[in-house]
Amino acid sequence: MNKQLPDSIEPPDLTLSTKQDTTPALRQRLNSAELFSESREVVIEHAGEEYRLRLTRQDKLILTK
């Protein structure tokens, strides 16, 4: 049984968008350069706990409690 897809079905567009998110109530976009400014670590307080977001030498992010 070899079923063929109709010609009207197109594959989804999987390209990444560079547009700003249009739903700011659901998501906020922060630029890491602004977030870290001149440091390599920021402290985030969440639910009474402290988390550290660090920028590594390889420009990776590490979040620790």
PDB file of N, CA and C in Angstrom:
ATOM      1  N   MET A   1       0.838  -1.182   0.000  1.00  0.00           N
ATOM      2  CA  MET A   1       0.000   0.000   0.000  1.00  0.00           C
ATOM      3  C   MET A   1       0.880   1.241   0.000  1.00  0.00           C
ATOM      4  N   ASN A   2       1.022   1.823  -1.124  1.00  0.00           N
ATOM      5  CA  ASN A   2       1.841   3.018  -1.258  1.00  0.00           C
ATOM      6  C   ASN A   2       0.913   4.201  -1.463  1.00  0.00           C
ATOM      7  N   LYS A   3       0.693   4.971  -0.386  1.00  0.00           N
ATOM      8  CA  LYS A   3      -0.191   6.130  -0.470  1.00  0.00           C
ATOM      9  C   LYS A   3       0.633   7.350  -0.812  1.00  0.00           C
ATOM     10  N   GLN A   4       0.102   8.151  -1.722  1.00  0.00           N
ATOM     11  CA  GLN A   4       0.786   9.346  -2.147  1.00  0.00           C
ATOM     12  C   GLN A   4       0.063  10.565  -1.573  1.00  0.00           C
ATOM     13  N   LEU A   5       0.834  11.564  -1.124  1.00  0.00           N
ATOM     14  CA  LEU A   5       0.236  12.789  -0.601  1.00  0.00           C
ATOM     15  C   LEU A   5      -0.326  13.621  -1.737  1.00  0.00           C
ATOM     16  N   PRO A   6      -1.438  14.293  -1.491  1.00  0.00           N
ATOM     17  CA  PRO A   6      -1.981  15.185  -2.518  1.00  0.00           C
ATOM     18  C   PRO A   6      -1.001  16.303  -2.835  1.00  0.00           C
ATOM     19  N   ASP A   7      -1.075  16.827  -4.042  1.00  0.00           N
ATOM     20  CA  ASP A   7      -0.178  17.899  -4.472  1.00  0.00           C
ATOM     21  C   ASP A   7      -0.388  19.187  -3.688  1.00  0.00           C
ATOM     22  N   SER A   8      -1.535  19.364  -3.049  1.00  0.00           N
ATOM     23  CA  SER A   8      -1.837  20.616  -2.372  1.00  0.00           C
ATOM     24  C   SER A   8      -1.146  20.756  -1.020  1.00  0.00           C
ATOM     25  N   ILE A   9      -0.557  19.691  -0.488  1.00  0.00           N
ATOM     26  CA  ILE A   9       0.107  19.756   0.808  1.00  0.00           C
ATOM     27  C   ILE A   9       1.555  20.182   0.604  1.00  0.00           C
ATOM     28  N   GLU A  10       1.941  21.265   1.290  1.00  0.00           N
ATOM     29  CA  GLU A  10       3.309  21.753   1.203  1.00  0.00           C
ATOM     30  C   GLU A  10       4.017  21.499   2.531  1.00  0.00           C
ATOM     31  N   PRO A  11       5.318  21.265   2.497  1.00  0.00           N
ATOM     32  CA  PRO A  11       6.041  21.079   3.755  1.00  0.00           C
ATOM     33  C   PRO A  11       6.058  22.380   4.553  1.00  0.00           C
ATOM     34  N   PRO A  12       6.124  22.293   5.872  1.00  0.00           N
ATOM     35  CA  PRO A  12       6.134  23.509   6.690  1.00  0.00           C
ATOM     36  C   PRO A  12       7.420  24.294   6.496  1.00  0.00           C
ATOM     37  N   ASP A  13       7.321  25.605   6.658  1.00  0.00           N
ATOM     38  CA  ASP A  13       8.499  26.478   6.584  1.00  0.00           C
ATOM     39  C   ASP A  13       9.224  26.414   7.920  1.00  0.00           C
ATOM     40  N   LEU A  14      10.418  25.849   7.943  1.00  0.00           N
ATOM     41  CA  LEU A  14      11.160  25.652   9.178  1.00  0.00           C
ATOM     42  C   LEU A  14      12.274  26.682   9.367  1.00  0.00           C
ATOM     43  N   THR A  15      12.263  27.758   8.583  1.00  0.00           N
ATOM     44  CA  THR A  15      13.304  28.775   8.742  1.00  0.00           C
ATOM     45  C   THR A  15      13.062  29.552  10.022  1.00  0.00           C
ATOM     46  N   LEU A  16      14.161  29.972  10.655  1.00  0.00           N
ATOM     47  CA  LEU A  16      14.071  30.737  11.895  1.00  0.00           C
ATOM     48  C   LEU A  16      13.718  32.180  11.586  1.00  0.00           C
ATOM     49  N   SER A  17      12.855  32.718  12.383  1.00  0.00           N
ATOM     50  CA  SER A  17      12.437  34.099  12.206  1.00  0.00           C
ATOM     51  C   SER A  17      13.285  35.013  13.072  1.00  0.00           C
ATOM     52  N   THR A  18      13.631  36.179  12.547  1.00  0.00           N
ATOM     53  CA  THR A  18      14.377  37.165  13.324  1.00  0.00           C
ATOM     54  C   THR A  18      13.452  38.257  13.834  1.00  0.00           C
ATOM     55  N   LYS A  19      12.148  38.105  13.612  1.00  0.00           N
ATOM     56  CA  LYS A  19      11.187  39.098  14.077  1.00  0.00           C
ATOM     57  C   LYS A  19      11.050  39.051  15.592  1.00  0.00           C
ATOM     58  N   GLN A  20      10.749  40.199  16.176  1.00  0.00           N
ATOM     59  CA  GLN A  20      10.500  40.284  17.619  1.00  0.00           C
ATOM     60  C   GLN A  20       9.211  39.535  17.946  1.00  0.00           C
ATOM     61  N   ASP A  21       9.185  38.867  19.061  1.00  0.00           N
ATOM     62  CA  ASP A  21       7.995  38.148  19.503  1.00  0.00           C
ATOM     63  C   ASP A  21       6.835  39.128  19.650  1.00  0.00           C
ATOM     64  N   THR A  22       5.690  38.787  19.088  1.00  0.00           N
ATOM     65  CA  THR A  22       4.543  39.701  19.129  1.00  0.00           C
ATOM     66  C   THR A  22       3.647  39.449  20.326  1.00  0.00           C
ATOM     67  N   THR A  23       4.008  38.535  21.212  1.00  0.00           N
ATOM     68  CA  THR A  23       3.206  38.260  22.398  1.00  0.00           C
ATOM     69  C   THR A  23       4.044  38.508  23.652  1.00  0.00           C
ATOM     70  N   PRO A  24       4.291  39.776  23.984  1.00  0.00           N
ATOM     71  CA  PRO A  24       5.163  40.066  25.125  1.00  0.00           C
ATOM     72  C   PRO A  24       4.608  39.579  26.455  1.00  0.00           C
ATOM     73  N   ALA A  25       3.312  39.371  26.557  1.00  0.00           N
ATOM     74  CA  ALA A  25       2.743  38.889  27.813  1.00  0.00           C
ATOM     75  C   ALA A  25       3.150  37.434  28.068  1.00  0.00           C
ATOM     76  N   LEU A  26       3.457  36.692  27.015  1.00  0.00           N
ATOM     77  CA  LEU A  26       3.809  35.286  27.163  1.00  0.00           C
ATOM     78  C   LEU A  26       5.311  35.049  27.188  1.00  0.00           C
ATOM     79  N   ARG A  27       6.075  35.935  26.573  1.00  0.00           N
ATOM     80  CA  ARG A  27       7.512  35.719  26.457  1.00  0.00           C
ATOM     81  C   ARG A  27       8.224  37.061  26.394  1.00  0.00           C
ATOM     82  N   GLN A  28       9.343  37.144  27.053  1.00  0.00           N
ATOM     83  CA  GLN A  28      10.163  38.351  26.990  1.00  0.00           C
ATOM     84  C   GLN A  28      11.526  37.960  26.465  1.00  0.00           C
ATOM     85  N   ARG A  29      12.009  38.707  25.501  1.00  0.00           N
ATOM     86  CA  ARG A  29      13.305  38.403  24.907  1.00  0.00           C
ATOM     87  C   ARG A  29      14.346  39.360  25.459  1.00  0.00           C
ATOM     88  N   LEU A  30      15.423  38.810  26.000  1.00  0.00           N
ATOM     89  CA  LEU A  30      16.520  39.600  26.537  1.00  0.00           C
ATOM     90  C   LEU A  30      17.782  39.314  25.742  1.00  0.00           C
ATOM     91  N   ASN A  31      18.522  40.344  25.447  1.00  0.00           N
ATOM     92  CA  ASN A  31      19.795  40.180  24.770  1.00  0.00           C
ATOM     93  C   ASN A  31      20.845  39.866  25.830  1.00  0.00           C
ATOM     94  N   SER A  32      21.613  38.799  25.646  1.00  0.00           N
ATOM     95  CA  SER A  32      22.583  38.398  26.662  1.00  0.00           C
ATOM     96  C   SER A  32      23.644  39.479  26.890  1.00  0.00           C
ATOM     97  N   ALA A  33      24.004  40.233  25.872  1.00  0.00           N
ATOM     98  CA  ALA A  33      24.997  41.300  26.047  1.00  0.00           C
ATOM     99  C   ALA A  33      24.478  42.362  27.010  1.00  0.00           C
ATOM    100  N   GLU A  34      23.188  42.662  26.931  1.00  0.00           N
ATOM    101  CA  GLU A  34      22.586  43.622  27.852  1.00  0.00           C
ATOM    102  C   GLU A  34      22.436  43.014  29.246  1.00  0.00           C
ATOM    103  N   LEU A  35      22.107  41.757  29.296  1.00  0.00           N
ATOM    104  CA  LEU A  35      21.901  41.078  30.570  1.00  0.00           C
ATOM    105  C   LEU A  35      23.204  40.985  31.360  1.00  0.00           C
ATOM    106  N   PHE A  36      24.283  40.619  30.701  1.00  0.00           N
ATOM    107  CA  PHE A  36      25.558  40.474  31.383  1.00  0.00           C
ATOM    108  C   PHE A  36      26.340  41.784  31.453  1.00  0.00           C
ATOM    109  N   SER A  37      26.062  42.717  30.583  1.00  0.00           N
ATOM    110  CA  SER A  37      26.793  43.982  30.438  1.00  0.00           C
ATOM    111  C   SER A  37      28.291  43.754  30.589  1.00  0.00           C
ATOM    112  N   GLU A  38      28.883  44.056  31.730  1.00  0.00           N
ATOM    113  CA  GLU A  38      30.337  43.920  31.863  1.00  0.00           C
ATOM    114  C   GLU A  38      30.748  42.740  32.740  1.00  0.00           C
ATOM    115  N   SER A  39      29.797  41.956  33.195  1.00  0.00           N
ATOM    116  CA  SER A  39      30.135  40.815  34.043  1.00  0.00           C
ATOM    117  C   SER A  39      29.949  39.511  33.275  1.00  0.00           C
ATOM    118  N   ARG A  40      30.332  38.416  33.877  1.00  0.00           N
ATOM    119  CA  ARG A  40      30.168  37.094  33.264  1.00  0.00           C
ATOM    120  C   ARG A  40      29.171  36.252  34.055  1.00  0.00           C
ATOM    121  N   GLU A  41      28.505  36.885  35.038  1.00  0.00           N
ATOM    122  CA  GLU A  41      27.552  36.159  35.873  1.00  0.00           C
ATOM    123  C   GLU A  41      26.463  37.107  36.353  1.00  0.00           C
ATOM    124  N   VAL A  42      25.229  36.611  36.359  1.00  0.00           N
ATOM    125  CA  VAL A  42      24.112  37.354  36.944  1.00  0.00           C
ATOM    126  C   VAL A  42      23.411  36.448  37.944  1.00  0.00           C
ATOM    127  N   VAL A  43      22.836  37.052  38.962  1.00  0.00           N
ATOM    128  CA  VAL A  43      22.081  36.306  39.962  1.00  0.00           C
ATOM    129  C   VAL A  43      20.603  36.552  39.688  1.00  0.00           C
ATOM    130  N   ILE A  44      19.841  35.463  39.607  1.00  0.00           N
ATOM    131  CA  ILE A  44      18.405  35.531  39.363  1.00  0.00           C
ATOM    132  C   ILE A  44      17.704  35.002  40.608  1.00  0.00           C
ATOM    133  N   GLU A  45      16.788  35.787  41.149  1.00  0.00           N
ATOM    134  CA  GLU A  45      16.011  35.327  42.288  1.00  0.00           C
ATOM    135  C   GLU A  45      14.671  34.823  41.780  1.00  0.00           C
ATOM    136  N   HIS A  46      14.346  33.591  42.181  1.00  0.00           N
ATOM    137  CA  HIS A  46      13.093  32.961  41.747  1.00  0.00           C
ATOM    138  C   HIS A  46      12.525  32.160  42.912  1.00  0.00           C
ATOM    139  N   ALA A  47      11.307  32.489  43.304  1.00  0.00           N
ATOM    140  CA  ALA A  47      10.596  31.774  44.378  1.00  0.00           C
ATOM    141  C   ALA A  47      11.439  31.693  45.652  1.00  0.00           C
ATOM    142  N   GLY A  48      12.124  32.793  45.967  1.00  0.00           N
ATOM    143  CA  GLY A  48      12.917  32.839  47.180  1.00  0.00           C
ATOM    144  C   GLY A  48      14.266  32.139  47.087  1.00  0.00           C
ATOM    145  N   GLU A  49      14.606  31.623  45.925  1.00  0.00           N
ATOM    146  CA  GLU A  49      15.880  30.924  45.718  1.00  0.00           C
ATOM    147  C   GLU A  49      16.767  31.759  44.795  1.00  0.00           C
ATOM    148  N   GLU A  50      18.079  31.634  44.967  1.00  0.00           N
ATOM    149  CA  GLU A  50      19.028  32.317  44.091  1.00  0.00           C
ATOM    150  C   GLU A  50      19.581  31.346  43.059  1.00  0.00           C
ATOM    151  N   TYR A  51      19.606  31.778  41.818  1.00  0.00           N
ATOM    152  CA  TYR A  51      20.191  31.017  40.723  1.00  0.00           C
ATOM    153  C   TYR A  51      21.272  31.884  40.091  1.00  0.00           C
ATOM    154  N   ARG A  52      22.336  31.266  39.637  1.00  0.00           N
ATOM    155  CA  ARG A  52      23.415  31.990  38.979  1.00  0.00           C
ATOM    156  C   ARG A  52      23.459  31.590  37.510  1.00  0.00           C
ATOM    157  N   LEU A  53      23.416  32.587  36.651  1.00  0.00           N
ATOM    158  CA  LEU A  53      23.533  32.375  35.212  1.00  0.00           C
ATOM    159  C   LEU A  53      24.922  32.863  34.816  1.00  0.00           C
ATOM    160  N   ARG A  54      25.749  31.914  34.368  1.00  0.00           N
ATOM    161  CA  ARG A  54      27.133  32.244  34.046  1.00  0.00           C
ATOM    162  C   ARG A  54      27.396  32.098  32.559  1.00  0.00           C
ATOM    163  N   LEU A  55      28.277  32.940  32.057  1.00  0.00           N
ATOM    164  CA  LEU A  55      28.728  32.901  30.676  1.00  0.00           C
ATOM    165  C   LEU A  55      30.125  32.290  30.669  1.00  0.00           C
ATOM    166  N   THR A  56      30.298  31.179  29.972  1.00  0.00           N
ATOM    167  CA  THR A  56      31.584  30.481  29.959  1.00  0.00           C
ATOM    168  C   THR A  56      32.546  31.114  28.949  1.00  0.00           C
ATOM    169  N   ARG A  57      33.776  30.663  28.984  1.00  0.00           N
ATOM    170  CA  ARG A  57      34.784  31.152  28.006  1.00  0.00           C
ATOM    171  C   ARG A  57      34.401  30.791  26.583  1.00  0.00           C
ATOM    172  N   GLN A  58      33.641  29.725  26.424  1.00  0.00           N
ATOM    173  CA  GLN A  58      33.196  29.306  25.091  1.00  0.00           C
ATOM    174  C   GLN A  58      31.863  29.935  24.708  1.00  0.00           C
ATOM    175  N   ASP A  59      31.445  30.967  25.458  1.00  0.00           N
ATOM    176  CA  ASP A  59      30.179  31.683  25.223  1.00  0.00           C
ATOM    177  C   ASP A  59      28.953  30.783  25.353  1.00  0.00           C
ATOM    178  N   LYS A  60      29.003  29.833  26.267  1.00  0.00           N
ATOM    179  CA  LYS A  60      27.843  28.998  26.612  1.00  0.00           C
ATOM    180  C   LYS A  60      27.261  29.522  27.899  1.00  0.00           C
ATOM    181  N   LEU A  61      25.988  29.228  28.145  1.00  0.00           N
ATOM    182  CA  LEU A  61      25.323  29.647  29.372  1.00  0.00           C
ATOM    183  C   LEU A  61      25.152  28.465  30.309  1.00  0.00           C
ATOM    184  N   ILE A  62      25.419  28.698  31.595  1.00  0.00           N
ATOM    185  CA  ILE A  62      25.222  27.672  32.617  1.00  0.00           C
ATOM    186  C   ILE A  62      24.369  28.279  33.728  1.00  0.00           C
ATOM    187  N   LEU A  63      23.264  27.616  34.043  1.00  0.00           N
ATOM    188  CA  LEU A  63      22.381  28.042  35.129  1.00  0.00           C
ATOM    189  C   LEU A  63      22.531  27.056  36.279  1.00  0.00           C
ATOM    190  N   THR A  64      22.903  27.575  37.475  1.00  0.00           N
ATOM    191  CA  THR A  64      23.053  26.716  38.651  1.00  0.00           C
ATOM    192  C   THR A  64      22.276  27.301  39.813  1.00  0.00           C
ATOM    193  N   LYS A  65      21.899  26.432  40.724  1.00  0.00           N
ATOM    194  CA  LYS A  65      21.155  26.842  41.907  1.00  0.00           C
ATOM    195  C   LYS A  65      22.120  27.088  43.033  1.00  0.00           C
TER     196      LYS A  65
END
